[in-house]
All heavy atoms as atom14 arrays in JSON, in Angstrom:
{
  "sequence": "TDAAEVSLDQLELIKKSVTIPVVAIGGIN",
  "atom14_mask": [
    [1, 1, 1, 1, 1, 1, 1, 0, 0, 0, 0, 0, 0, 0],
    [1, 1, 1, 1, 1, 1, 1, 1, 0, 0, 0, 0, 0, 0],
    [1, 1, 1, 1, 1, 0, 0, 0, 0, 0, 0, 0, 0, 0],
    [1, 1, 1, 1, 1, 0, 0, 0, 0, 0, 0, 0, 0, 0],
    [1, 1, 1, 1, 1, 1, 1, 1, 1, 0, 0, 0, 0, 0],
    [1, 1, 1, 1, 1, 1, 1, 0, 0, 0, 0, 0, 0, 0],
    [1, 1, 1, 1, 1, 1, 0, 0, 0, 0, 0, 0, 0, 0],
    [1, 1, 1, 1, 1, 1, 1, 1, 0, 0, 0, 0, 0, 0],
    [1, 1, 1, 1, 1, 1, 1, 1, 0, 0, 0, 0, 0, 0],
    [1, 1, 1, 1, 1, 1, 1, 1, 1, 0, 0, 0, 0, 0],
    [1, 1, 1, 1, 1, 1, 1, 1, 0, 0, 0, 0, 0, 0],
    [1, 1, 1, 1, 1, 1, 1, 1, 1, 0, 0, 0, 0, 0],
    [1, 1, 1, 1, 1, 1, 1, 1, 0, 0, 0, 0, 0, 0],
    [1, 1, 1, 1, 1, 1, 1, 1, 0, 0, 0, 0, 0, 0],
    [1, 1, 1, 1, 1, 1, 1, 1, 1, 0, 0, 0, 0, 0],
    [1, 1, 1, 1, 1, 1, 1, 1, 1, 0, 0, 0, 0, 0],
    [1, 1, 1, 1, 1, 1, 0, 0, 0, 0, 0, 0, 0, 0],
    [1, 1, 1, 1, 1, 1, 1, 0, 0, 0, 0, 0, 0, 0],
    [1, 1, 1, 1, 1, 1, 1, 0, 0, 0, 0, 0, 0, 0],
    [1, 1, 1, 1, 1, 1, 1, 1, 0, 0, 0, 0, 0, 0],
    [1, 1, 1, 1, 1, 1, 1, 0, 0, 0, 0, 0, 0, 0],
    [1, 1, 1, 1, 1, 1, 1, 0, 0, 0, 0, 0, 0, 0],
    [1, 1, 1, 1, 1, 1, 1, 0, 0, 0, 0, 0, 0, 0],
    [1, 1, 1, 1, 1, 0, 0, 0, 0, 0, 0, 0, 0, 0],
    [1, 1, 1, 1, 1, 1, 1, 1, 0, 0, 0, 0, 0, 0],
    [1, 1, 1, 1, 0, 0, 0, 0, 0, 0, 0, 0, 0, 0],
    [1, 1, 1, 1, 0, 0, 0, 0, 0, 0, 0, 0, 0, 0],
    [1, 1, 1, 1, 1, 1, 1, 1, 0, 0, 0, 0, 0, 0],
    [1, 1, 1, 1, 1, 1, 1, 1, 0, 0, 0, 0, 0, 0]
  ],
  "atom14_positions": [
    [[241.52, -204.84, -9.8], [241.35, -203.81, -10.74], [241.42, -204.17, -12.17], [240.82, -203.42, -13.06], [242.56, -202.65, -10.52], [243.7, -203.44, -10.51], [242.33, -202.04, -9.12], [0.0, 0.0, 0.0], [0.0, 0.0, 0.0], [0.0, 0.0, 0.0], [0.0, 0.0, 0.0], [0.0, 0.0, 0.0], [0.0, 0.0, 0.0], [0.0, 0.0, 0.0]],
    [[241.88, -205.35, -12.48], [242.04, -205.93, -13.88], [240.81, -206.63, -14.3], [240.74, -207.11, -15.42], [243.31, -206.66, -14.13], [243.22, -207.93, -13.19], [242.51, -207.91, -12.21], [244.08, -208.88, -13.56], [0.0, 0.0, 0.0], [0.0, 0.0, 0.0], [0.0, 0.0, 0.0], [0.0, 0.0, 0.0], [0.0, 0.0, 0.0], [0.0, 0.0, 0.0]],
    [[239.85, -206.79, -13.45], [238.61, -207.68, -13.65], [237.63, -206.92, -14.7], [237.43, -205.79, -14.61], [237.85, -207.96, -12.36], [0.0, 0.0, 0.0], [0.0, 0.0, 0.0], [0.0, 0.0, 0.0], [0.0, 0.0, 0.0], [0.0, 0.0, 0.0], [0.0, 0.0, 0.0], [0.0, 0.0, 0.0], [0.0, 0.0, 0.0], [0.0, 0.0, 0.0]],
    [[237.22, -207.71, -15.64], [236.12, -207.18, -16.69], [234.89, -207.01, -15.93], [234.53, -207.87, -15.09], [236.12, -208.32, -17.76], [0.0, 0.0, 0.0], [0.0, 0.0, 0.0], [0.0, 0.0, 0.0], [0.0, 0.0, 0.0], [0.0, 0.0, 0.0], [0.0, 0.0, 0.0], [0.0, 0.0, 0.0], [0.0, 0.0, 0.0], [0.0, 0.0, 0.0]],
    [[234.11, -205.95, -16.29], [232.9, -205.65, -15.61], [231.77, -206.56, -16.44], [231.69, -206.63, -17.63], [232.49, -204.32, -15.55], [233.26, -203.66, -14.34], [232.66, -202.37, -13.86], [231.34, -202.34, -13.75], [233.32, -201.46, -13.61], [0.0, 0.0, 0.0], [0.0, 0.0, 0.0], [0.0, 0.0, 0.0], [0.0, 0.0, 0.0], [0.0, 0.0, 0.0]],
    [[230.84, -207.08, -15.6], [229.75, -207.89, -16.1], [228.47, -207.31, -15.67], [228.39, -207.1, -14.48], [229.78, -209.45, -15.58], [228.79, -210.24, -16.07], [231.18, -210.0, -15.93], [0.0, 0.0, 0.0], [0.0, 0.0, 0.0], [0.0, 0.0, 0.0], [0.0, 0.0, 0.0], [0.0, 0.0, 0.0], [0.0, 0.0, 0.0], [0.0, 0.0, 0.0]],
    [[227.47, -206.97, -16.6], [226.3, -206.43, -16.25], [225.39, -207.49, -15.42], [225.65, -208.64, -15.67], [225.66, -205.93, -17.45], [225.04, -207.01, -18.12], [0.0, 0.0, 0.0], [0.0, 0.0, 0.0], [0.0, 0.0, 0.0], [0.0, 0.0, 0.0], [0.0, 0.0, 0.0], [0.0, 0.0, 0.0], [0.0, 0.0, 0.0], [0.0, 0.0, 0.0]],
    [[224.57, -206.92, -14.71], [223.55, -207.83, -14.05], [222.66, -208.65, -15.04], [222.23, -209.86, -14.71], [222.59, -206.95, -13.04], [223.29, -206.36, -11.92], [222.37, -205.59, -11.1], [224.08, -207.44, -11.01], [0.0, 0.0, 0.0], [0.0, 0.0, 0.0], [0.0, 0.0, 0.0], [0.0, 0.0, 0.0], [0.0, 0.0, 0.0], [0.0, 0.0, 0.0]],
    [[222.38, -208.11, -16.16], [221.65, -208.8, -17.22], [222.54, -209.98, -17.74], [221.98, -211.1, -17.95], [221.34, -207.91, -18.34], [220.18, -206.98, -18.01], [219.54, -207.21, -17.03], [219.95, -205.97, -18.7], [0.0, 0.0, 0.0], [0.0, 0.0, 0.0], [0.0, 0.0, 0.0], [0.0, 0.0, 0.0], [0.0, 0.0, 0.0], [0.0, 0.0, 0.0]],
    [[223.87, -209.82, -17.88], [224.68, -210.78, -18.21], [224.77, -211.89, -17.21], [224.86, -213.08, -17.56], [226.13, -210.32, -18.53], [226.3, -209.57, -19.94], [227.63, -209.03, -20.0], [228.01, -208.04, -19.2], [228.41, -209.32, -20.9], [0.0, 0.0, 0.0], [0.0, 0.0, 0.0], [0.0, 0.0, 0.0], [0.0, 0.0, 0.0], [0.0, 0.0, 0.0]],
    [[224.99, -211.39, -15.96], [224.85, -212.48, -14.85], [223.73, -213.28, -14.87], [223.69, -214.56, -14.6], [225.05, -211.63, -13.47], [224.79, -212.43, -12.2], [226.08, -213.31, -12.09], [224.76, -211.45, -11.04], [0.0, 0.0, 0.0], [0.0, 0.0, 0.0], [0.0, 0.0, 0.0], [0.0, 0.0, 0.0], [0.0, 0.0, 0.0], [0.0, 0.0, 0.0]],
    [[222.49, -212.71, -15.17], [221.25, -213.45, -15.06], [221.26, -214.48, -16.16], [220.8, -215.58, -16.17], [220.03, -212.51, -15.32], [218.74, -213.14, -15.11], [217.69, -212.15, -15.1], [217.74, -211.06, -15.65], [216.56, -212.49, -14.45], [0.0, 0.0, 0.0], [0.0, 0.0, 0.0], [0.0, 0.0, 0.0], [0.0, 0.0, 0.0], [0.0, 0.0, 0.0]],
    [[221.74, -213.97, -17.42], [221.82, -214.93, -18.6], [222.78, -216.19, -18.31], [222.38, -217.28, -18.63], [222.35, -214.1, -19.87], [222.64, -215.02, -21.17], [221.31, -215.47, -21.61], [223.2, -214.1, -22.23], [0.0, 0.0, 0.0], [0.0, 0.0, 0.0], [0.0, 0.0, 0.0], [0.0, 0.0, 0.0], [0.0, 0.0, 0.0], [0.0, 0.0, 0.0]],
    [[223.91, -215.84, -17.81], [224.74, -217.03, -17.37], [224.13, -217.95, -16.42], [224.13, -219.18, -16.67], [226.05, -216.37, -16.72], [226.91, -215.84, -17.85], [226.84, -217.6, -16.18], [228.09, -214.99, -17.37], [0.0, 0.0, 0.0], [0.0, 0.0, 0.0], [0.0, 0.0, 0.0], [0.0, 0.0, 0.0], [0.0, 0.0, 0.0], [0.0, 0.0, 0.0]],
    [[223.45, -217.31, -15.42], [222.74, -218.22, -14.38], [221.63, -219.18, -15.1], [221.48, -220.33, -14.85], [222.04, -217.46, -13.41], [221.19, -218.15, -12.43], [221.9, -219.38, -11.71], [220.99, -220.23, -10.87], [221.82, -221.47, -10.4], [0.0, 0.0, 0.0], [0.0, 0.0, 0.0], [0.0, 0.0, 0.0], [0.0, 0.0, 0.0], [0.0, 0.0, 0.0]],
    [[220.99, -218.63, -16.03], [219.84, -219.23, -16.73], [220.49, -220.33, -17.76], [219.75, -221.27, -18.29], [219.01, -218.28, -17.52], [218.0, -217.49, -16.66], [217.25, -216.4, -17.4], [216.22, -215.88, -16.36], [215.33, -214.67, -17.1], [0.0, 0.0, 0.0], [0.0, 0.0, 0.0], [0.0, 0.0, 0.0], [0.0, 0.0, 0.0], [0.0, 0.0, 0.0]],
    [[221.66, -220.14, -18.08], [222.28, -220.94, -19.14], [223.12, -222.17, -18.84], [223.46, -222.98, -19.55], [223.18, -220.1, -20.09], [222.42, -219.03, -20.65], [0.0, 0.0, 0.0], [0.0, 0.0, 0.0], [0.0, 0.0, 0.0], [0.0, 0.0, 0.0], [0.0, 0.0, 0.0], [0.0, 0.0, 0.0], [0.0, 0.0, 0.0], [0.0, 0.0, 0.0]],
    [[223.56, -222.12, -17.46], [224.39, -223.21, -16.93], [223.52, -223.92, -15.92], [222.61, -223.4, -15.36], [225.68, -222.77, -16.45], [226.44, -222.17, -17.53], [225.48, -221.84, -15.23], [0.0, 0.0, 0.0], [0.0, 0.0, 0.0], [0.0, 0.0, 0.0], [0.0, 0.0, 0.0], [0.0, 0.0, 0.0], [0.0, 0.0, 0.0], [0.0, 0.0, 0.0]],
    [[223.97, -225.19, -15.63], [223.22, -225.92, -14.47], [224.1, -226.0, -13.23], [223.68, -226.49, -12.14], [222.95, -227.41, -15.06], [224.27, -227.95, -15.55], [222.05, -227.35, -16.3], [0.0, 0.0, 0.0], [0.0, 0.0, 0.0], [0.0, 0.0, 0.0], [0.0, 0.0, 0.0], [0.0, 0.0, 0.0], [0.0, 0.0, 0.0], [0.0, 0.0, 0.0]],
    [[225.27, -225.57, -13.26], [226.16, -225.57, -12.07], [225.99, -224.26, -11.32], [225.55, -223.29, -11.81], [227.66, -225.74, -12.46], [228.21, -224.69, -13.38], [227.95, -227.13, -12.96], [229.74, -224.71, -13.71], [0.0, 0.0, 0.0], [0.0, 0.0, 0.0], [0.0, 0.0, 0.0], [0.0, 0.0, 0.0], [0.0, 0.0, 0.0], [0.0, 0.0, 0.0]],
    [[226.22, -224.17, -10.11], [226.1, -222.99, -9.29], [226.92, -221.81, -9.76], [227.98, -221.9, -10.38], [226.63, -223.36, -7.81], [226.52, -224.85, -7.77], [226.71, -225.36, -9.1], [0.0, 0.0, 0.0], [0.0, 0.0, 0.0], [0.0, 0.0, 0.0], [0.0, 0.0, 0.0], [0.0, 0.0, 0.0], [0.0, 0.0, 0.0], [0.0, 0.0, 0.0]],
    [[226.3, -220.66, -9.66], [226.85, -219.35, -10.09], [226.99, -218.39, -8.84], [226.02, -218.16, -8.07], [225.86, -218.72, -11.08], [226.46, -217.4, -11.4], [225.81, -219.56, -12.34], [0.0, 0.0, 0.0], [0.0, 0.0, 0.0], [0.0, 0.0, 0.0], [0.0, 0.0, 0.0], [0.0, 0.0, 0.0], [0.0, 0.0, 0.0], [0.0, 0.0, 0.0]],
    [[228.25, -217.83, -8.62], [228.47, -217.01, -7.45], [229.0, -215.7, -8.25], [229.85, -215.72, -9.1], [229.68, -217.58, -6.74], [229.97, -216.55, -5.67], [229.3, -218.91, -6.04], [0.0, 0.0, 0.0], [0.0, 0.0, 0.0], [0.0, 0.0, 0.0], [0.0, 0.0, 0.0], [0.0, 0.0, 0.0], [0.0, 0.0, 0.0], [0.0, 0.0, 0.0]],
    [[228.44, -214.55, -7.88], [228.75, -213.32, -8.29], [229.83, -212.78, -7.37], [229.88, -212.93, -6.19], [227.55, -212.34, -8.31], [0.0, 0.0, 0.0], [0.0, 0.0, 0.0], [0.0, 0.0, 0.0], [0.0, 0.0, 0.0], [0.0, 0.0, 0.0], [0.0, 0.0, 0.0], [0.0, 0.0, 0.0], [0.0, 0.0, 0.0], [0.0, 0.0, 0.0]],
    [[230.81, -211.92, -8.09], [231.87, -211.27, -7.32], [232.19, -210.05, -7.9], [231.88, -209.73, -9.02], [233.16, -212.3, -7.41], [234.24, -211.62, -6.53], [233.68, -212.42, -8.77], [235.42, -212.6, -6.11], [0.0, 0.0, 0.0], [0.0, 0.0, 0.0], [0.0, 0.0, 0.0], [0.0, 0.0, 0.0], [0.0, 0.0, 0.0], [0.0, 0.0, 0.0]],
    [[232.65, -209.0, -7.05], [233.12, -207.77, -7.56], [232.41, -206.71, -6.94], [231.22, -206.39, -7.46], [0.0, 0.0, 0.0], [0.0, 0.0, 0.0], [0.0, 0.0, 0.0], [0.0, 0.0, 0.0], [0.0, 0.0, 0.0], [0.0, 0.0, 0.0], [0.0, 0.0, 0.0], [0.0, 0.0, 0.0], [0.0, 0.0, 0.0], [0.0, 0.0, 0.0]],
    [[232.74, -206.05, -5.92], [232.14, -204.75, -5.38], [230.8, -205.02, -4.73], [230.06, -204.11, -4.66], [0.0, 0.0, 0.0], [0.0, 0.0, 0.0], [0.0, 0.0, 0.0], [0.0, 0.0, 0.0], [0.0, 0.0, 0.0], [0.0, 0.0, 0.0], [0.0, 0.0, 0.0], [0.0, 0.0, 0.0], [0.0, 0.0, 0.0], [0.0, 0.0, 0.0]],
    [[230.53, -206.31, -4.42], [229.19, -206.49, -3.6], [229.4, -206.26, -2.2], [230.2, -206.59, -1.6], [228.94, -208.1, -3.92], [228.7, -208.35, -5.41], [227.72, -208.4, -3.27], [228.68, -209.75, -5.74], [0.0, 0.0, 0.0], [0.0, 0.0, 0.0], [0.0, 0.0, 0.0], [0.0, 0.0, 0.0], [0.0, 0.0, 0.0], [0.0, 0.0, 0.0]],
    [[228.25, -205.58, -1.71], [228.15, -205.13, -0.32], [226.66, -205.18, 0.17], [225.88, -205.43, -0.8], [228.93, -203.87, -0.04], [228.34, -202.73, -0.97], [227.17, -202.62, -1.15], [229.24, -201.95, -1.56], [0.0, 0.0, 0.0], [0.0, 0.0, 0.0], [0.0, 0.0, 0.0], [0.0, 0.0, 0.0], [0.0, 0.0, 0.0], [0.0, 0.0, 0.0]]
  ]
}
C-alpha cells in the first residue's frame, strides 16, 4: 500500500532509457 504509482508512460520511458531488464510490478493481472 505504500508503493508510489508509476504510469505506463513512465514505465516505457524507463525501459527505453536503461539497458538492463525491466520488470513491472503492482496490481498486474
